[in-house]
Protein backbone atom coordinates (compact mmCIF):
# COMPACT_ATOMS: atom_id res chain seq x y z
CA MET A 1 3.61 -3.07 18.83
CA ASP A 2 -0.10 -4.62 18.28
CA ILE A 3 -0.59 -5.57 14.75
CA LYS A 4 -4.00 -3.25 14.71
CA LYS A 5 -2.08 -0.28 14.86
CA ILE A 6 0.01 -1.04 12.13
CA ILE A 7 -2.44 -1.94 9.92
CA LYS A 8 -4.05 1.39 10.12
CA SER A 9 -0.80 3.09 9.75
CA ILE A 10 -0.11 1.62 6.52
CA SER A 11 -3.87 2.08 5.44
CA VAL A 12 -4.02 5.11 3.03
CA SER A 13 -6.45 6.84 0.77
CA GLU A 14 -5.71 6.05 -2.76
CA GLY A 15 -6.01 9.84 -3.27
CA ILE A 16 -2.39 10.21 -1.76
CA ALA A 17 0.48 12.15 -3.38
CA ILE A 18 3.29 9.50 -4.67
CA LYS A 19 5.45 11.92 -1.86
CA ASP A 20 3.06 11.26 1.06
CA ALA A 21 3.33 7.66 0.01
CA LEU A 22 7.20 7.48 0.72
CA VAL A 23 7.08 9.46 3.64
CA THR A 24 4.78 7.07 5.54
CA LEU A 25 6.84 3.96 4.23
CA ASN A 26 9.67 5.56 5.58
CA LYS A 27 8.18 5.73 9.11
CA GLU A 28 6.44 2.29 9.22
CA PRO A 29 8.44 -1.68 9.63
CA VAL A 30 6.94 -2.70 6.35
CA GLY A 31 7.46 -2.08 2.51
CA PHE A 32 3.94 -1.95 1.26
CA LEU A 33 0.63 0.56 1.80
CA SER A 34 -2.66 -0.84 1.92
CA MET A 35 -5.07 1.46 -0.03
CA VAL A 36 -8.14 1.75 1.67
CA ASP A 37 -11.91 3.49 0.85
CA GLU A 38 -13.73 5.48 3.28
CA LYS A 39 -15.29 2.34 4.52
CA ASN A 40 -11.61 0.87 5.50
CA LYS A 41 -12.17 -1.55 2.25
CA LEU A 42 -9.17 -3.09 1.04
CA LEU A 43 -9.10 -1.85 -2.56
CA GLY A 44 -5.45 -2.73 -3.43
CA VAL A 45 -1.53 -2.46 -2.36
CA VAL A 46 1.34 -0.60 -3.52
CA THR A 47 4.85 -1.64 -2.57
CA GLU A 48 8.43 0.35 -1.91
CA GLY A 49 9.29 -1.18 -5.85
CA ASP A 50 6.02 -0.31 -7.53
CA ILE A 51 6.84 3.19 -6.35
CA ARG A 52 10.41 3.02 -7.76
CA ARG A 53 9.19 1.89 -10.87
CA VAL A 54 6.72 4.78 -11.16
CA ILE A 55 9.18 7.23 -10.22
CA ILE A 56 12.27 6.16 -12.24
CA GLY A 57 9.49 6.48 -15.37
CA GLY A 58 9.06 10.13 -14.58
CA GLU A 59 5.92 10.53 -12.62
CA ASN A 60 5.68 13.65 -10.86
CA LEU A 61 5.90 12.97 -6.69
CA SER A 62 3.03 15.47 -6.18
CA SER A 63 0.94 13.03 -8.74
CA PRO A 64 -1.67 10.49 -6.76
CA ILE A 65 -0.46 6.81 -6.28
CA LYS A 66 -3.48 5.36 -7.22
CA ASP A 67 -2.61 4.11 -10.61
CA SER A 68 0.35 2.04 -9.41
CA ILE A 69 -1.90 0.32 -6.65
CA LYS A 70 -2.28 -3.37 -7.45
CA ARG A 71 -6.11 -4.07 -7.69
CA ASN A 72 -7.78 -7.42 -6.03
CA PRO A 73 -4.66 -8.96 -3.86
CA ILE A 74 -4.41 -12.14 -2.63
CA VAL A 75 -5.49 -11.68 1.12
CA ALA A 76 -4.66 -14.82 3.13
CA SER A 77 -5.02 -15.15 6.95
CA ASP A 78 -2.11 -17.42 9.30
CA SER A 79 -4.51 -20.63 9.31
CA ASP A 80 -4.14 -21.15 5.40
CA LYS A 81 -2.09 -23.03 3.44
CA VAL A 82 0.01 -22.46 0.95
CA GLU A 83 -1.07 -24.79 -1.50
CA GLU A 84 -5.05 -23.27 -1.45
CA ILE A 85 -3.77 -19.42 -1.78
């Protein structure tokens, strides 16, 4: 699969409901979602573990996922050295 298609398929709005986030995660071969704004600017990421903790904490599945987003994630490219990240 083309990496651009994967990135697009895991990029969602921060207003997405927890249930919809889980449905999206279930369709894709990754364990996280990228939260983007209307201009596709990265706002943060949310992992399967983040969602699991929110659900265990009693959050309703129809609640927006935005409170679970890890803002300002560390972003690296394949040319970056681990020591520099």
